[in-house]
Amino acid sequence: AHEAEATLDLHMNTVSSSLKTLSSRASALVQYLEATKNGTVPTDYRLLRQVASVCNQLPAVDTDELSGEFVGDYNDTLMVNYLASITKGTNELNDLAEKFNMISTQRGGHHRLA
């Protein structure tokens, strides 16, 4: 269970880092395009064609559809976290019951949990 949590944490950190990098690069592109539009930066048509090419490769997404997918993915992530917490708690409870049973048996008691 601990390996699965470590793997999930590593994956989530990698995804988070990738999204931050993507956001930073997208912001830089937006700033460049605004500066070009305002005349602050000279127009480089070759670079603008490259930006247009990248933008044309992105799928056209309806914002309602994207919002629904995001909410679905977010709910799935929450469910995985809840299940991981429940699994961890169940394992800890099982360990505690085993310890109680071992101590009870060593003392000659007849008390047993589960």
C-alpha atoms as a PDB file:
ATOM      1  CA  ALA A   1       0.000   0.000   0.000  1.00  0.00           C
ATOM      2  CA  HIS A   2       2.867   2.334   0.786  1.00  0.00           C
ATOM      3  CA  GLU A   3       4.460   1.695  -2.632  1.00  0.00           C
ATOM      4  CA  ALA A   4       1.186   2.573  -4.346  1.00  0.00           C
ATOM      5  CA  GLU A   5       0.942   5.817  -2.368  1.00  0.00           C
ATOM      6  CA  ALA A   6       4.554   6.710  -3.184  1.00  0.00           C
ATOM      7  CA  THR A   7       3.966   5.979  -6.873  1.00  0.00           C
ATOM      8  CA  LEU A   8       0.773   8.049  -6.879  1.00  0.00           C
ATOM      9  CA  ASP A   9       2.550  10.929  -5.108  1.00  0.00           C
ATOM     10  CA  LEU A  10       5.410  10.804  -7.621  1.00  0.00           C
ATOM     11  CA  HIS A  11       2.958  10.754 -10.539  1.00  0.00           C
ATOM     12  CA  MET A  12       0.945  13.654  -9.111  1.00  0.00           C
ATOM     13  CA  ASN A  13       4.132  15.693  -8.541  1.00  0.00           C
ATOM     14  CA  THR A  14       5.276  15.001 -12.107  1.00  0.00           C
ATOM     15  CA  VAL A  15       1.899  16.023 -13.547  1.00  0.00           C
ATOM     16  CA  SER A  16       1.811  19.137 -11.365  1.00  0.00           C
ATOM     17  CA  SER A  17       5.315  20.151 -12.445  1.00  0.00           C
ATOM     18  CA  SER A  18       4.438  19.562 -16.108  1.00  0.00           C
ATOM     19  CA  LEU A  19       1.289  21.675 -15.826  1.00  0.00           C
ATOM     20  CA  LYS A  20       3.207  24.520 -14.161  1.00  0.00           C
ATOM     21  CA  THR A  21       5.792  24.438 -16.952  1.00  0.00           C
ATOM     22  CA  LEU A  22       3.075  24.380 -19.620  1.00  0.00           C
ATOM     23  CA  SER A  23       1.268  27.289 -17.953  1.00  0.00           C
ATOM     24  CA  SER A  24       4.483  29.302 -17.768  1.00  0.00           C
ATOM     25  CA  ARG A  25       5.234  28.731 -21.446  1.00  0.00           C
ATOM     26  CA  ALA A  26       1.672  29.569 -22.478  1.00  0.00           C
ATOM     27  CA  SER A  27       1.879  32.805 -20.464  1.00  0.00           C
ATOM     28  CA  ALA A  28       5.146  33.697 -22.204  1.00  0.00           C
ATOM     29  CA  LEU A  29       3.478  33.145 -25.598  1.00  0.00           C
ATOM     30  CA  VAL A  30       0.491  35.294 -24.634  1.00  0.00           C
ATOM     31  CA  GLN A  31       2.812  38.073 -23.428  1.00  0.00           C
ATOM     32  CA  TYR A  32       4.774  37.911 -26.684  1.00  0.00           C
ATOM     33  CA  LEU A  33       1.606  38.027 -28.797  1.00  0.00           C
ATOM     34  CA  GLU A  34       0.254  40.991 -26.806  1.00  0.00           C
ATOM     35  CA  ALA A  35       3.580  42.811 -27.126  1.00  0.00           C
ATOM     36  CA  THR A  36       3.586  42.147 -30.874  1.00  0.00           C
ATOM     37  CA  LYS A  37       0.002  43.374 -31.178  1.00  0.00           C
ATOM     38  CA  ASN A  38       0.804  46.553 -29.209  1.00  0.00           C
ATOM     39  CA  GLY A  39       3.917  47.202 -31.302  1.00  0.00           C
ATOM     40  CA  THR A  40       6.229  46.873 -28.295  1.00  0.00           C
ATOM     41  CA  VAL A  41       8.039  43.996 -30.004  1.00  0.00           C
ATOM     42  CA  PRO A  42       8.793  43.934 -33.750  1.00  0.00           C
ATOM     43  CA  THR A  43       6.617  41.523 -35.712  1.00  0.00           C
ATOM     44  CA  ASP A  44       8.408  38.275 -36.568  1.00  0.00           C
ATOM     45  CA  TYR A  45       6.135  36.554 -39.087  1.00  0.00           C
ATOM     46  CA  ARG A  46       8.153  33.329 -39.054  1.00  0.00           C
ATOM     47  CA  LEU A  47       7.663  33.053 -35.292  1.00  0.00           C
ATOM     48  CA  LEU A  48       3.971  33.962 -35.579  1.00  0.00           C
ATOM     49  CA  ARG A  49       3.503  31.155 -38.140  1.00  0.00           C
ATOM     50  CA  GLN A  50       5.132  28.718 -35.695  1.00  0.00           C
ATOM     51  CA  VAL A  51       2.822  29.877 -32.905  1.00  0.00           C
ATOM     52  CA  ALA A  52      -0.177  29.523 -35.234  1.00  0.00           C
ATOM     53  CA  SER A  53       0.962  26.028 -36.187  1.00  0.00           C
ATOM     54  CA  VAL A  54       1.165  24.985 -32.540  1.00  0.00           C
ATOM     55  CA  CYS A  55      -2.254  26.516 -31.808  1.00  0.00           C
ATOM     56  CA  ASN A  56      -3.793  24.737 -34.810  1.00  0.00           C
ATOM     57  CA  GLN A  57      -2.616  21.390 -33.436  1.00  0.00           C
ATOM     58  CA  LEU A  58      -4.624  21.897 -30.261  1.00  0.00           C
ATOM     59  CA  PRO A  59      -8.061  20.316 -30.299  1.00  0.00           C
ATOM     60  CA  ALA A  60     -11.035  22.654 -30.369  1.00  0.00           C
ATOM     61  CA  VAL A  61     -12.736  22.106 -27.047  1.00  0.00           C
ATOM     62  CA  ASP A  62     -16.134  23.294 -25.946  1.00  0.00           C
ATOM     63  CA  THR A  63     -15.719  24.953 -22.551  1.00  0.00           C
ATOM     64  CA  ASP A  64     -18.751  23.103 -21.140  1.00  0.00           C
ATOM     65  CA  GLU A  65     -17.260  19.816 -22.322  1.00  0.00           C
ATOM     66  CA  LEU A  66     -13.856  20.720 -20.870  1.00  0.00           C
ATOM     67  CA  SER A  67     -15.448  21.771 -17.599  1.00  0.00           C
ATOM     68  CA  GLY A  68     -17.365  18.499 -17.396  1.00  0.00           C
ATOM     69  CA  GLU A  69     -14.236  16.461 -18.110  1.00  0.00           C
ATOM     70  CA  PHE A  70     -12.289  18.426 -15.510  1.00  0.00           C
ATOM     71  CA  VAL A  71     -14.959  17.869 -12.874  1.00  0.00           C
ATOM     72  CA  GLY A  72     -15.060  14.157 -13.740  1.00  0.00           C
ATOM     73  CA  ASP A  73     -11.266  13.833 -13.486  1.00  0.00           C
ATOM     74  CA  TYR A  74     -11.258  15.814 -10.237  1.00  0.00           C
ATOM     75  CA  ASN A  75     -13.954  13.568  -8.760  1.00  0.00           C
ATOM     76  CA  ASP A  76     -12.010  10.472  -9.850  1.00  0.00           C
ATOM     77  CA  THR A  77      -8.895  11.843  -8.141  1.00  0.00           C
ATOM     78  CA  LEU A  78     -10.829  12.541  -4.958  1.00  0.00           C
ATOM     79  CA  MET A  79     -12.272   9.025  -5.022  1.00  0.00           C
ATOM     80  CA  VAL A  80      -8.795   7.496  -5.376  1.00  0.00           C
ATOM     81  CA  ASN A  81      -7.594   9.593  -2.427  1.00  0.00           C
ATOM     82  CA  TYR A  82     -10.583   8.544  -0.313  1.00  0.00           C
ATOM     83  CA  LEU A  83     -10.057   4.884  -1.177  1.00  0.00           C
ATOM     84  CA  ALA A  84      -6.345   5.164  -0.342  1.00  0.00           C
ATOM     85  CA  SER A  85      -7.220   6.710   3.029  1.00  0.00           C
ATOM     86  CA  ILE A  86      -9.777   4.003   3.781  1.00  0.00           C
ATOM     87  CA  THR A  87      -7.304   1.281   2.779  1.00  0.00           C
ATOM     88  CA  LYS A  88      -4.584   2.791   4.958  1.00  0.00           C
ATOM     89  CA  GLY A  89      -6.959   3.094   7.926  1.00  0.00           C
ATOM     90  CA  THR A  90      -8.177  -0.482   7.466  1.00  0.00           C
ATOM     91  CA  ASN A  91      -4.602  -1.782   7.356  1.00  0.00           C
ATOM     92  CA  GLU A  92      -3.709   0.121  10.524  1.00  0.00           C
ATOM     93  CA  LEU A  93      -6.824  -1.207  12.272  1.00  0.00           C
ATOM     94  CA  ASN A  94      -5.935  -4.746  11.181  1.00  0.00           C
ATOM     95  CA  ASP A  95      -2.387  -4.327  12.558  1.00  0.00           C
ATOM     96  CA  LEU A  96      -3.817  -3.083  15.852  1.00  0.00           C
ATOM     97  CA  ALA A  97      -6.211  -6.050  16.085  1.00  0.00           C
ATOM     98  CA  GLU A  98      -3.335  -8.464  15.423  1.00  0.00           C
ATOM     99  CA  LYS A  99      -1.248  -6.849  18.174  1.00  0.00           C
ATOM    100  CA  PHE A 100      -4.175  -7.015  20.597  1.00  0.00           C
ATOM    101  CA  ASN A 101      -4.753 -10.683  19.791  1.00  0.00           C
ATOM    102  CA  MET A 102      -1.067 -11.495  20.221  1.00  0.00           C
ATOM    103  CA  ILE A 103      -0.876  -9.755  23.612  1.00  0.00           C
ATOM    104  CA  SER A 104      -4.136 -11.329  24.725  1.00  0.00           C
ATOM    105  CA  THR A 105      -2.897 -14.803  23.745  1.00  0.00           C
ATOM    106  CA  GLN A 106       0.439 -14.280  25.507  1.00  0.00           C
ATOM    107  CA  ARG A 107      -1.366 -13.332  28.733  1.00  0.00           C
ATOM    108  CA  GLY A 108      -3.522 -16.415  28.550  1.00  0.00           C
ATOM    109  CA  GLY A 109      -6.660 -14.439  27.856  1.00  0.00           C
ATOM    110  CA  HIS A 110      -9.514 -15.597  25.728  1.00  0.00           C
ATOM    111  CA  HIS A 111     -10.306 -12.189  24.249  1.00  0.00           C
ATOM    112  CA  ARG A 112      -9.947 -12.008  20.486  1.00  0.00           C
ATOM    113  CA  LEU A 113     -10.765  -9.324  18.007  1.00  0.00           C
ATOM    114  CA  ALA A 114     -12.147 -10.283  14.648  1.00  0.00           C
END
